[in-house]
Full PDB file with SEQRES, HELIX, SHEET, SSBOND, CRYST1, ORIGX, SCALE, CONECT and MASTER records, all heavy atoms in Angstrom:
SEQRES   1 A   37  THR PHE TYR ILE ARG PHE PHE LEU THR TYR LEU PRO LEU          
SEQRES   2 A   37  LEU GLY VAL LYS GLY VAL LEU GLY LEU HIS LEU LEU VAL          
SEQRES   3 A   37  ARG PHE ILE GLU SER ASN TRP PHE VAL TRP VAL                  
HELIX    1 AA1 PHE A    2  TRP A   36  1                                  35    
CRYST1    1.000    1.000    1.000  90.00  90.00  90.00 P 1           1          
ORIGX1      1.000000  0.000000  0.000000        0.00000                         
ORIGX2      0.000000  1.000000  0.000000        0.00000                         
ORIGX3      0.000000  0.000000  1.000000        0.00000                         
SCALE1      1.000000  0.000000  0.000000        0.00000                         
SCALE2      0.000000  1.000000  0.000000        0.00000                         
SCALE3      0.000000  0.000000  1.000000        0.00000                         
ATOM      1  N   THR A   1     124.039 112.271 103.964  1.00  0.00           N  
ATOM      2  CA  THR A   1     124.880 111.618 104.976  1.00  0.00           C  
ATOM      3  C   THR A   1     124.910 110.111 104.756  1.00  0.00           C  
ATOM      4  O   THR A   1     125.928 109.462 105.036  1.00  0.00           O  
ATOM      5  CB  THR A   1     124.389 111.918 106.400  1.00  0.00           C  
ATOM      6  OG1 THR A   1     123.084 111.345 106.608  1.00  0.00           O  
ATOM      7  CG2 THR A   1     124.348 113.411 106.666  1.00  0.00           C  
ATOM      8  N   PHE A   2     123.816 109.554 104.255  1.00  0.00           N  
ATOM      9  CA  PHE A   2     123.797 108.113 103.961  1.00  0.00           C  
ATOM     10  C   PHE A   2     124.792 107.786 102.851  1.00  0.00           C  
ATOM     11  O   PHE A   2     125.596 106.847 102.967  1.00  0.00           O  
ATOM     12  CB  PHE A   2     122.387 107.667 103.544  1.00  0.00           C  
ATOM     13  CG  PHE A   2     122.361 106.309 102.885  1.00  0.00           C  
ATOM     14  CD1 PHE A   2     122.364 105.151 103.648  1.00  0.00           C  
ATOM     15  CD2 PHE A   2     122.347 106.182 101.494  1.00  0.00           C  
ATOM     16  CE1 PHE A   2     122.353 103.890 103.038  1.00  0.00           C  
ATOM     17  CE2 PHE A   2     122.341 104.944 100.881  1.00  0.00           C  
ATOM     18  CZ  PHE A   2     122.343 103.792 101.660  1.00  0.00           C  
ATOM     19  N   TYR A   3     124.736 108.552 101.759  1.00  0.00           N  
ATOM     20  CA  TYR A   3     125.591 108.254 100.613  1.00  0.00           C  
ATOM     21  C   TYR A   3     127.063 108.539 100.923  1.00  0.00           C  
ATOM     22  O   TYR A   3     127.957 107.803 100.479  1.00  0.00           O  
ATOM     23  CB  TYR A   3     125.118 109.045  99.396  1.00  0.00           C  
ATOM     24  CG  TYR A   3     123.813 108.535  98.860  1.00  0.00           C  
ATOM     25  CD1 TYR A   3     122.616 109.171  99.190  1.00  0.00           C  
ATOM     26  CD2 TYR A   3     123.758 107.396  98.072  1.00  0.00           C  
ATOM     27  CE1 TYR A   3     121.394 108.682  98.724  1.00  0.00           C  
ATOM     28  CE2 TYR A   3     122.551 106.894  97.600  1.00  0.00           C  
ATOM     29  CZ  TYR A   3     121.382 107.547  97.930  1.00  0.00           C  
ATOM     30  OH  TYR A   3     120.187 107.044  97.490  1.00  0.00           O  
ATOM     31  N   ILE A   4     127.314 109.582 101.688  1.00  0.00           N  
ATOM     32  CA  ILE A   4     128.693 109.874 102.082  1.00  0.00           C  
ATOM     33  C   ILE A   4     129.253 108.731 102.930  1.00  0.00           C  
ATOM     34  O   ILE A   4     130.368 108.251 102.702  1.00  0.00           O  
ATOM     35  CB  ILE A   4     128.756 111.205 102.851  1.00  0.00           C  
ATOM     36  CG1 ILE A   4     128.434 112.369 101.905  1.00  0.00           C  
ATOM     37  CG2 ILE A   4     130.127 111.400 103.493  1.00  0.00           C  
ATOM     38  CD1 ILE A   4     128.284 113.705 102.613  1.00  0.00           C  
ATOM     39  N   ARG A   5     128.477 108.292 103.922  1.00  0.00           N  
ATOM     40  CA  ARG A   5     128.910 107.184 104.780  1.00  0.00           C  
ATOM     41  C   ARG A   5     129.105 105.902 103.975  1.00  0.00           C  
ATOM     42  O   ARG A   5     130.085 105.168 104.159  1.00  0.00           O  
ATOM     43  CB  ARG A   5     127.891 106.953 105.892  1.00  0.00           C  
ATOM     44  CG  ARG A   5     128.189 105.749 106.779  1.00  0.00           C  
ATOM     45  CD  ARG A   5     127.198 105.654 107.934  1.00  0.00           C  
ATOM     46  NE  ARG A   5     125.818 105.611 107.486  1.00  0.00           N  
ATOM     47  CZ  ARG A   5     125.194 104.494 107.070  1.00  0.00           C  
ATOM     48  NH1 ARG A   5     125.861 103.346 107.014  1.00  0.00           N  
ATOM     49  NH2 ARG A   5     123.934 104.527 106.702  1.00  0.00           N  
ATOM     50  N   PHE A   6     128.172 105.625 103.068  1.00  0.00           N  
ATOM     51  CA  PHE A   6     128.235 104.402 102.271  1.00  0.00           C  
ATOM     52  C   PHE A   6     129.500 104.386 101.408  1.00  0.00           C  
ATOM     53  O   PHE A   6     130.228 103.381 101.363  1.00  0.00           O  
ATOM     54  CB  PHE A   6     126.979 104.305 101.392  1.00  0.00           C  
ATOM     55  CG  PHE A   6     126.836 103.005 100.665  1.00  0.00           C  
ATOM     56  CD1 PHE A   6     126.203 101.911 101.271  1.00  0.00           C  
ATOM     57  CD2 PHE A   6     127.316 102.854  99.374  1.00  0.00           C  
ATOM     58  CE1 PHE A   6     126.070 100.703 100.600  1.00  0.00           C  
ATOM     59  CE2 PHE A   6     127.178 101.651  98.696  1.00  0.00           C  
ATOM     60  CZ  PHE A   6     126.557 100.580  99.308  1.00  0.00           C  
ATOM     61  N   PHE A   7     129.765 105.494 100.739  1.00  0.00           N  
ATOM     62  CA  PHE A   7     130.918 105.535  99.840  1.00  0.00           C  
ATOM     63  C   PHE A   7     132.235 105.555 100.614  1.00  0.00           C  
ATOM     64  O   PHE A   7     133.204 104.918 100.210  1.00  0.00           O  
ATOM     65  CB  PHE A   7     130.816 106.748  98.906  1.00  0.00           C  
ATOM     66  CG  PHE A   7     129.956 106.496  97.698  1.00  0.00           C  
ATOM     67  CD1 PHE A   7     128.584 106.658  97.752  1.00  0.00           C  
ATOM     68  CD2 PHE A   7     130.525 106.061  96.505  1.00  0.00           C  
ATOM     69  CE1 PHE A   7     127.796 106.404  96.644  1.00  0.00           C  
ATOM     70  CE2 PHE A   7     129.746 105.812  95.387  1.00  0.00           C  
ATOM     71  CZ  PHE A   7     128.377 105.988  95.456  1.00  0.00           C  
ATOM     72  N   LEU A   8     132.291 106.270 101.731  1.00  0.00           N  
ATOM     73  CA  LEU A   8     133.516 106.286 102.524  1.00  0.00           C  
ATOM     74  C   LEU A   8     133.822 104.906 103.098  1.00  0.00           C  
ATOM     75  O   LEU A   8     134.985 104.535 103.264  1.00  0.00           O  
ATOM     76  CB  LEU A   8     133.385 107.307 103.656  1.00  0.00           C  
ATOM     77  CG  LEU A   8     133.454 108.780 103.259  1.00  0.00           C  
ATOM     78  CD1 LEU A   8     133.282 109.673 104.491  1.00  0.00           C  
ATOM     79  CD2 LEU A   8     134.763 109.104 102.543  1.00  0.00           C  
ATOM     80  N   THR A   9     132.765 104.147 103.401  1.00  0.00           N  
ATOM     81  CA  THR A   9     132.953 102.821 103.985  1.00  0.00           C  
ATOM     82  C   THR A   9     133.457 101.809 102.959  1.00  0.00           C  
ATOM     83  O   THR A   9     134.392 101.041 103.224  1.00  0.00           O  
ATOM     84  CB  THR A   9     131.632 102.310 104.592  1.00  0.00           C  
ATOM     85  OG1 THR A   9     131.178 103.237 105.584  1.00  0.00           O  
ATOM     86  CG2 THR A   9     131.822 100.938 105.230  1.00  0.00           C  
ATOM     87  N   TYR A  10     132.875 101.807 101.770  1.00  0.00           N  
ATOM     88  CA  TYR A  10     133.144 100.731 100.810  1.00  0.00           C  
ATOM     89  C   TYR A  10     134.084 101.106  99.663  1.00  0.00           C  
ATOM     90  O   TYR A  10     134.611 100.218  98.987  1.00  0.00           O  
ATOM     91  CB  TYR A  10     131.822 100.221 100.223  1.00  0.00           C  
ATOM     92  CG  TYR A  10     130.945  99.551 101.253  1.00  0.00           C  
ATOM     93  CD1 TYR A  10     129.773 100.161 101.705  1.00  0.00           C  
ATOM     94  CD2 TYR A  10     131.302  98.314 101.798  1.00  0.00           C  
ATOM     95  CE1 TYR A  10     128.975  99.555 102.667  1.00  0.00           C  
ATOM     96  CE2 TYR A  10     130.514  97.709 102.758  1.00  0.00           C  
ATOM     97  CZ  TYR A  10     129.349  98.335 103.193  1.00  0.00           C  
ATOM     98  OH  TYR A  10     128.568  97.732 104.153  1.00  0.00           O  
ATOM     99  N   LEU A  11     134.279 102.406  99.443  1.00  0.00           N  
ATOM    100  CA  LEU A  11     135.151 102.809  98.335  1.00  0.00           C  
ATOM    101  C   LEU A  11     136.577 102.275  98.463  1.00  0.00           C  
ATOM    102  O   LEU A  11     137.138 101.748  97.483  1.00  0.00           O  
ATOM    103  CB  LEU A  11     135.166 104.335  98.206  1.00  0.00           C  
ATOM    104  CG  LEU A  11     135.753 104.902  96.909  1.00  0.00           C  
ATOM    105  CD1 LEU A  11     134.959 104.404  95.701  1.00  0.00           C  
ATOM    106  CD2 LEU A  11     135.760 106.424  96.940  1.00  0.00           C  
ATOM    107  N   PRO A  12     137.203 102.352  99.650  1.00  0.00           N  
ATOM    108  CA  PRO A  12     138.565 101.802  99.773  1.00  0.00           C  
ATOM    109  C   PRO A  12     138.633 100.292  99.565  1.00  0.00           C  
ATOM    110  O   PRO A  12     139.679  99.754  99.183  1.00  0.00           O  
ATOM    111  CB  PRO A  12     138.964 102.157 101.218  1.00  0.00           C  
ATOM    112  CG  PRO A  12     138.061 103.285 101.603  1.00  0.00           C  
ATOM    113  CD  PRO A  12     136.767 103.014 100.896  1.00  0.00           C  
ATOM    114  N   LEU A  13     137.534  99.603  99.793  1.00  0.00           N  
ATOM    115  CA  LEU A  13     137.517  98.150  99.681  1.00  0.00           C  
ATOM    116  C   LEU A  13     137.159  97.671  98.281  1.00  0.00           C  
ATOM    117  O   LEU A  13     137.705  96.666  97.802  1.00  0.00           O  
ATOM    118  CB  LEU A  13     136.509  97.565 100.680  1.00  0.00           C  
ATOM    119  CG  LEU A  13     136.745  97.873 102.163  1.00  0.00           C  
ATOM    120  CD1 LEU A  13     135.565  97.378 102.994  1.00  0.00           C  
ATOM    121  CD2 LEU A  13     138.039  97.228 102.630  1.00  0.00           C  
ATOM    122  N   LEU A  14     136.247  98.373  97.619  1.00  0.00           N  
ATOM    123  CA  LEU A  14     135.674  97.862  96.371  1.00  0.00           C  
ATOM    124  C   LEU A  14     135.976  98.720  95.146  1.00  0.00           C  
ATOM    125  O   LEU A  14     135.786  98.253  94.021  1.00  0.00           O  
ATOM    126  CB  LEU A  14     134.147  97.732  96.523  1.00  0.00           C  
ATOM    127  CG  LEU A  14     133.652  96.859  97.682  1.00  0.00           C  
ATOM    128  CD1 LEU A  14     132.131  96.942  97.791  1.00  0.00           C  
ATOM    129  CD2 LEU A  14     134.090  95.417  97.495  1.00  0.00           C  
ATOM    130  N   GLY A  15     136.374  99.955  95.330  1.00  0.00           N  
ATOM    131  CA  GLY A  15     136.549 100.841  94.195  1.00  0.00           C  
ATOM    132  C   GLY A  15     135.216 101.422  93.747  1.00  0.00           C  
ATOM    133  O   GLY A  15     134.153 101.042  94.253  1.00  0.00           O  
ATOM    134  N   VAL A  16     135.245 102.320  92.778  1.00  0.00           N  
ATOM    135  CA  VAL A  16     134.036 103.019  92.338  1.00  0.00           C  
ATOM    136  C   VAL A  16     133.018 102.057  91.743  1.00  0.00           C  
ATOM    137  O   VAL A  16     131.841 102.058  92.131  1.00  0.00           O  
ATOM    138  CB  VAL A  16     134.384 104.119  91.312  1.00  0.00           C  
ATOM    139  CG1 VAL A  16     133.099 104.771  90.790  1.00  0.00           C  
ATOM    140  CG2 VAL A  16     135.284 105.177  91.937  1.00  0.00           C  
ATOM    141  N   LYS A  17     133.445 101.217  90.811  1.00  0.00           N  
ATOM    142  CA  LYS A  17     132.520 100.279  90.178  1.00  0.00           C  
ATOM    143  C   LYS A  17     131.953  99.289  91.193  1.00  0.00           C  
ATOM    144  O   LYS A  17     130.767  98.945  91.155  1.00  0.00           O  
ATOM    145  CB  LYS A  17     133.219  99.514  89.050  1.00  0.00           C  
ATOM    146  CG  LYS A  17     133.562 100.372  87.850  1.00  0.00           C  
ATOM    147  CD  LYS A  17     134.184  99.530  86.751  1.00  0.00           C  
ATOM    148  CE  LYS A  17     134.518 100.387  85.524  1.00  0.00           C  
ATOM    149  NZ  LYS A  17     135.152  99.574  84.443  1.00  0.00           N  
ATOM    150  N   GLY A  18     132.793  98.845  92.107  1.00  0.00           N  
ATOM    151  CA  GLY A  18     132.335  97.904  93.125  1.00  0.00           C  
ATOM    152  C   GLY A  18     131.300  98.517  94.052  1.00  0.00           C  
ATOM    153  O   GLY A  18     130.313  97.864  94.409  1.00  0.00           O  
ATOM    154  N   VAL A  19     131.512  99.776  94.438  1.00  0.00           N  
ATOM    155  CA  VAL A  19     130.560 100.459  95.316  1.00  0.00           C  
ATOM    156  C   VAL A  19     129.221 100.643  94.622  1.00  0.00           C  
ATOM    157  O   VAL A  19     128.154 100.392  95.206  1.00  0.00           O  
ATOM    158  CB  VAL A  19     131.112 101.831  95.769  1.00  0.00           C  
ATOM    159  CG1 VAL A  19     130.033 102.641  96.467  1.00  0.00           C  
ATOM    160  CG2 VAL A  19     132.294 101.643  96.692  1.00  0.00           C  
ATOM    161  N   LEU A  20     129.255 101.089  93.380  1.00  0.00           N  
ATOM    162  CA  LEU A  20     128.009 101.275  92.618  1.00  0.00           C  
ATOM    163  C   LEU A  20     127.302  99.942  92.422  1.00  0.00           C  
ATOM    164  O   LEU A  20     126.071  99.860  92.513  1.00  0.00           O  
ATOM    165  CB  LEU A  20     128.314 101.925  91.265  1.00  0.00           C  
ATOM    166  CG  LEU A  20     128.860 103.355  91.321  1.00  0.00           C  
ATOM    167  CD1 LEU A  20     129.213 103.840  89.920  1.00  0.00           C  
ATOM    168  CD2 LEU A  20     127.853 104.291  91.976  1.00  0.00           C  
ATOM    169  N   GLY A  21     128.075  98.890  92.147  1.00  0.00           N  
ATOM    170  CA  GLY A  21     127.477  97.562  91.983  1.00  0.00           C  
ATOM    171  C   GLY A  21     126.860  97.055  93.270  1.00  0.00           C  
ATOM    172  O   GLY A  21     125.759  96.478  93.257  1.00  0.00           O  
ATOM    173  N   LEU A  22     127.546  97.279  94.393  1.00  0.00           N  
ATOM    174  CA  LEU A  22     127.006  96.860  95.683  1.00  0.00           C  
ATOM    175  C   LEU A  22     125.713  97.598  95.995  1.00  0.00           C  
ATOM    176  O   LEU A  22     124.738  96.989  96.450  1.00  0.00           O  
ATOM    177  CB  LEU A  22     128.035  97.115  96.786  1.00  0.00           C  
ATOM    178  CG  LEU A  22     127.554  96.847  98.213  1.00  0.00           C  
ATOM    179  CD1 LEU A  22     127.202  95.373  98.403  1.00  0.00           C  
ATOM    180  CD2 LEU A  22     128.614  97.280  99.229  1.00  0.00           C  
ATOM    181  N   HIS A  23     125.715  98.886  95.747  1.00  0.00           N  
ATOM    182  CA  HIS A  23     124.512  99.685  96.024  1.00  0.00           C  
ATOM    183  C   HIS A  23     123.335  99.209  95.185  1.00  0.00           C  
ATOM    184  O   HIS A  23     122.213  99.076  95.678  1.00  0.00           O  
ATOM    185  CB  HIS A  23     124.789 101.163  95.747  1.00  0.00           C  
ATOM    186  CG  HIS A  23     123.650 102.057  96.085  1.00  0.00           C  
ATOM    187  ND1 HIS A  23     122.761 102.527  95.137  1.00  0.00           N  
ATOM    188  CD2 HIS A  23     123.221 102.568  97.275  1.00  0.00           C  
ATOM    189  CE1 HIS A  23     121.853 103.282  95.731  1.00  0.00           C  
ATOM    190  NE2 HIS A  23     122.106 103.329  97.016  1.00  0.00           N  
ATOM    191  N   LEU A  24     123.591  98.934  93.907  1.00  0.00           N  
ATOM    192  CA  LEU A  24     122.535  98.441  93.028  1.00  0.00           C  
ATOM    193  C   LEU A  24     122.044  97.078  93.483  1.00  0.00           C  
ATOM    194  O   LEU A  24     120.828  96.810  93.474  1.00  0.00           O  
ATOM    195  CB  LEU A  24     123.046  98.367  91.589  1.00  0.00           C  
ATOM    196  CG  LEU A  24     122.028  97.904  90.535  1.00  0.00           C  
ATOM    197  CD1 LEU A  24     120.857  98.888  90.456  1.00  0.00           C  
ATOM    198  CD2 LEU A  24     122.694  97.781  89.161  1.00  0.00           C  
ATOM    199  N   LEU A  25     122.946  96.211  93.897  1.00  0.00           N  
ATOM    200  CA  LEU A  25     122.563  94.875  94.366  1.00  0.00           C  
ATOM    201  C   LEU A  25     121.703  94.960  95.619  1.00  0.00           C  
ATOM    202  O   LEU A  25     120.687  94.271  95.737  1.00  0.00           O  
ATOM    203  CB  LEU A  25     123.817  94.042  94.650  1.00  0.00           C  
ATOM    204  CG  LEU A  25     123.587  92.644  95.246  1.00  0.00           C  
ATOM    205  CD1 LEU A  25     122.816  91.764  94.260  1.00  0.00           C  
ATOM    206  CD2 LEU A  25     124.919  92.001  95.631  1.00  0.00           C  
ATOM    207  N   VAL A  26     122.109  95.826  96.553  1.00  0.00           N  
ATOM    208  CA  VAL A  26     121.344  95.998  97.790  1.00  0.00           C  
ATOM    209  C   VAL A  26     119.936  96.488  97.486  1.00  0.00           C  
ATOM    210  O   VAL A  26     118.946  95.975  98.022  1.00  0.00           O  
ATOM    211  CB  VAL A  26     122.065  96.975  98.733  1.00  0.00           C  
ATOM    212  CG1 VAL A  26     121.151  97.382  99.891  1.00  0.00           C  
ATOM    213  CG2 VAL A  26     123.342  96.345  99.281  1.00  0.00           C  
ATOM    214  N   ARG A  27     119.842  97.483  96.610  1.00  0.00           N  
ATOM    215  CA  ARG A  27     118.520  98.032  96.255  1.00  0.00           C  
ATOM    216  C   ARG A  27     117.667  97.007  95.508  1.00  0.00           C  
ATOM    217  O   ARG A  27     116.445  96.974  95.673  1.00  0.00           O  
ATOM    218  CB  ARG A  27     118.669  99.295  95.406  1.00  0.00           C  
ATOM    219  CG  ARG A  27     119.286 100.474  96.133  1.00  0.00           C  
ATOM    220  CD  ARG A  27     118.547 100.813  97.399  1.00  0.00           C  
ATOM    221  NE  ARG A  27     119.050 102.011  98.046  1.00  0.00           N  
ATOM    222  CZ  ARG A  27     118.902 102.295  99.321  1.00  0.00           C  
ATOM    223  NH1 ARG A  27     118.273 101.438 100.126  1.00  0.00           N  
ATOM    224  NH2 ARG A  27     119.376 103.411  99.836  1.00  0.00           N  
ATOM    225  N   PHE A  28     118.301  96.194  94.697  1.00  0.00           N  
ATOM    226  CA  PHE A  28     117.581  95.154  93.954  1.00  0.00           C  
ATOM    227  C   PHE A  28     116.980  94.124  94.909  1.00  0.00           C  
ATOM    228  O   PHE A  28     115.801  93.773  94.798  1.00  0.00           O  
ATOM    229  CB  PHE A  28     118.538  94.475  92.969  1.00  0.00           C  
ATOM    230  CG  PHE A  28     117.970  93.249  92.309  1.00  0.00           C  
ATOM    231  CD1 PHE A  28     117.075  93.362  91.254  1.00  0.00           C  
ATOM    232  CD2 PHE A  28     118.332  91.982  92.751  1.00  0.00           C  
ATOM    233  CE1 PHE A  28     116.541  92.226  90.646  1.00  0.00           C  
ATOM    234  CE2 PHE A  28     117.800  90.851  92.149  1.00  0.00           C  
ATOM    235  CZ  PHE A  28     116.905  90.972  91.102  1.00  0.00           C  
ATOM    236  N   ILE A  29     117.777  93.651  95.868  1.00  0.00           N  
ATOM    237  CA  ILE A  29     117.279  92.666  96.832  1.00  0.00           C  
ATOM    238  C   ILE A  29     116.212  93.292  97.725  1.00  0.00           C  
ATOM    239  O   ILE A  29     115.160  92.697  97.974  1.00  0.00           O  
ATOM    240  CB  ILE A  29     118.440  92.109  97.677  1.00  0.00           C  
ATOM    241  CG1 ILE A  29     119.439  91.374  96.784  1.00  0.00           C  
ATOM    242  CG2 ILE A  29     117.908  91.187  98.772  1.00  0.00           C  
ATOM    243  CD1 ILE A  29     120.701  90.928  97.508  1.00  0.00           C  
ATOM    244  N   GLU A  30     116.479  94.512  98.189  1.00  0.00           N  
ATOM    245  CA  GLU A  30     115.518  95.213  99.036  1.00  0.00           C  
ATOM    246  C   GLU A  30     114.190  95.416  98.307  1.00  0.00           C  
ATOM    247  O   GLU A  30     113.116  95.287  98.894  1.00  0.00           O  
ATOM    248  CB  GLU A  30     116.089  96.563  99.446  1.00  0.00           C  
ATOM    249  CG  GLU A  30     115.123  97.423 100.237  1.00  0.00           C  
ATOM    250  CD  GLU A  30     115.571  98.873 100.334  1.00  0.00           C  
ATOM    251  OE1 GLU A  30     116.583  99.243  99.710  1.00  0.00           O  
ATOM    252  OE2 GLU A  30     114.877  99.645 101.020  1.00  0.00           O  
ATOM    253  N   SER A  31     114.267  95.754  97.024  1.00  0.00           N  
ATOM    254  CA  SER A  31     113.065  96.021  96.239  1.00  0.00           C  
ATOM    255  C   SER A  31     112.178  94.789  96.154  1.00  0.00           C  
ATOM    256  O   SER A  31     110.958  94.872  96.313  1.00  0.00           O  
ATOM    257  CB  SER A  31     113.451  96.489  94.832  1.00  0.00           C  
ATOM    258  OG  SER A  31     112.317  96.887  94.104  1.00  0.00           O  
ATOM    259  N   ASN A  32     112.786  93.628  95.881  1.00  0.00           N  
ATOM    260  CA  ASN A  32     112.002  92.387  95.840  1.00  0.00           C  
ATOM    261  C   ASN A  32     111.331  92.123  97.186  1.00  0.00           C  
ATOM    262  O   ASN A  32     110.147  91.788  97.252  1.00  0.00           O  
ATOM    263  CB  ASN A  32     112.908  91.213  95.469  1.00  0.00           C  
ATOM    264  CG  ASN A  32     113.202  91.148  93.992  1.00  0.00           C  
ATOM    265  OD1 ASN A  32     112.434  90.583  93.216  1.00  0.00           O  
ATOM    266  ND2 ASN A  32     114.312  91.741  93.578  1.00  0.00           N  
ATOM    267  N   TRP A  33     112.085  92.274  98.255  1.00  0.00           N  
ATOM    268  CA  TRP A  33     111.585  92.062  99.610  1.00  0.00           C  
ATOM    269  C   TRP A  33     110.426  93.013  99.891  1.00  0.00           C  
ATOM    270  O   TRP A  33     109.345  92.606 100.326  1.00  0.00           O  
ATOM    271  CB  TRP A  33     112.739  92.299 100.582  1.00  0.00           C  
ATOM    272  CG  TRP A  33     112.523  91.883 102.004  1.00  0.00           C  
ATOM    273  CD1 TRP A  33     111.325  91.820 102.670  1.00  0.00           C  
ATOM    274  CD2 TRP A  33     113.525  91.483 102.940  1.00  0.00           C  
ATOM    275  NE1 TRP A  33     111.520  91.418 103.969  1.00  0.00           N  
ATOM    276  CE2 TRP A  33     112.871  91.206 104.164  1.00  0.00           C  
ATOM    277  CE3 TRP A  33     114.909  91.353 102.875  1.00  0.00           C  
ATOM    278  CZ2 TRP A  33     113.565  90.811 105.302  1.00  0.00           C  
ATOM    279  CZ3 TRP A  33     115.594  90.961 103.998  1.00  0.00           C  
ATOM    280  CH2 TRP A  33     114.924  90.681 105.197  1.00  0.00           C  
ATOM    281  N   PHE A  34     110.640  94.291  99.622  1.00  0.00           N  
ATOM    282  CA  PHE A  34     109.659  95.331  99.914  1.00  0.00           C  
ATOM    283  C   PHE A  34     108.360  95.139  99.137  1.00  0.00           C  
ATOM    284  O   PHE A  34     107.261  95.204  99.694  1.00  0.00           O  
ATOM    285  CB  PHE A  34     110.259  96.707  99.600  1.00  0.00           C  
ATOM    286  CG  PHE A  34     109.278  97.837  99.660  1.00  0.00           C  
ATOM    287  CD1 PHE A  34     108.895  98.382 100.883  1.00  0.00           C  
ATOM    288  CD2 PHE A  34     108.728  98.368  98.498  1.00  0.00           C  
ATOM    289  CE1 PHE A  34     107.986  99.431 100.940  1.00  0.00           C  
ATOM    290  CE2 PHE A  34     107.819  99.410  98.550  1.00  0.00           C  
ATOM    291  CZ  PHE A  34     107.448  99.940  99.772  1.00  0.00           C  
ATOM    292  N   VAL A  35     108.470  94.885  97.833  1.00  0.00           N  
ATOM    293  CA  VAL A  35     107.270  94.780  96.995  1.00  0.00           C  
ATOM    294  C   VAL A  35     106.420  93.580  97.386  1.00  0.00           C  
ATOM    295  O   VAL A  35     105.194  93.676  97.486  1.00  0.00           O  
ATOM    296  CB  VAL A  35     107.649  94.709  95.503  1.00  0.00           C  
ATOM    297  CG1 VAL A  35     106.437  94.374  94.641  1.00  0.00           C  
ATOM    298  CG2 VAL A  35     108.253  96.037  95.056  1.00  0.00           C  
ATOM    299  N   TRP A  36     107.054  92.424  97.631  1.00  0.00           N  
ATOM    300  CA  TRP A  36     106.260  91.245  97.988  1.00  0.00           C  
ATOM    301  C   TRP A  36     105.492  91.462  99.285  1.00  0.00           C  
ATOM    302  O   TRP A  36     104.323  91.090  99.403  1.00  0.00           O  
ATOM    303  CB  TRP A  36     107.156  90.011  98.093  1.00  0.00           C  
ATOM    304  CG  TRP A  36     107.479  89.444  96.747  1.00  0.00           C  
ATOM    305  CD1 TRP A  36     108.683  89.487  96.102  1.00  0.00           C  
ATOM    306  CD2 TRP A  36     106.577  88.786  95.854  1.00  0.00           C  
ATOM    307  NE1 TRP A  36     108.590  88.889  94.871  1.00  0.00           N  
ATOM    308  CE2 TRP A  36     107.297  88.447  94.691  1.00  0.00           C  
ATOM    309  CE3 TRP A  36     105.228  88.455  95.917  1.00  0.00           C  
ATOM    310  CZ2 TRP A  36     106.719  87.801  93.615  1.00  0.00           C  
ATOM    311  CZ3 TRP A  36     104.659  87.793  94.841  1.00  0.00           C  
ATOM    312  CH2 TRP A  36     105.397  87.479  93.710  1.00  0.00           C  
ATOM    313  N   VAL A  37     106.135  92.090 100.266  1.00  0.00           N  
ATOM    314  CA  VAL A  37     105.466  92.311 101.551  1.00  0.00           C  
ATOM    315  C   VAL A  37     104.330  93.309 101.408  1.00  0.00           C  
ATOM    316  O   VAL A  37     103.218  93.097 101.914  1.00  0.00           O  
ATOM    317  CB  VAL A  37     106.477  92.798 102.616  1.00  0.00           C  
ATOM    318  CG1 VAL A  37     105.759  93.263 103.882  1.00  0.00           C  
ATOM    319  CG2 VAL A  37     107.455  91.679 102.958  1.00  0.00           C  
TER     320      VAL A  37                                                      
MASTER        0    0    0    1    0    0    0    6  319    1    0    3          
END                                                                             
């Protein structure tokens, strides 16, 4: 349900490559935040 919601929300705005890039960017920033804490 998370991935369905995420793709339905951003796919019309960013396209497939944009959605995948956004998801990777979010996880990258989150990962730095999470690991340091």
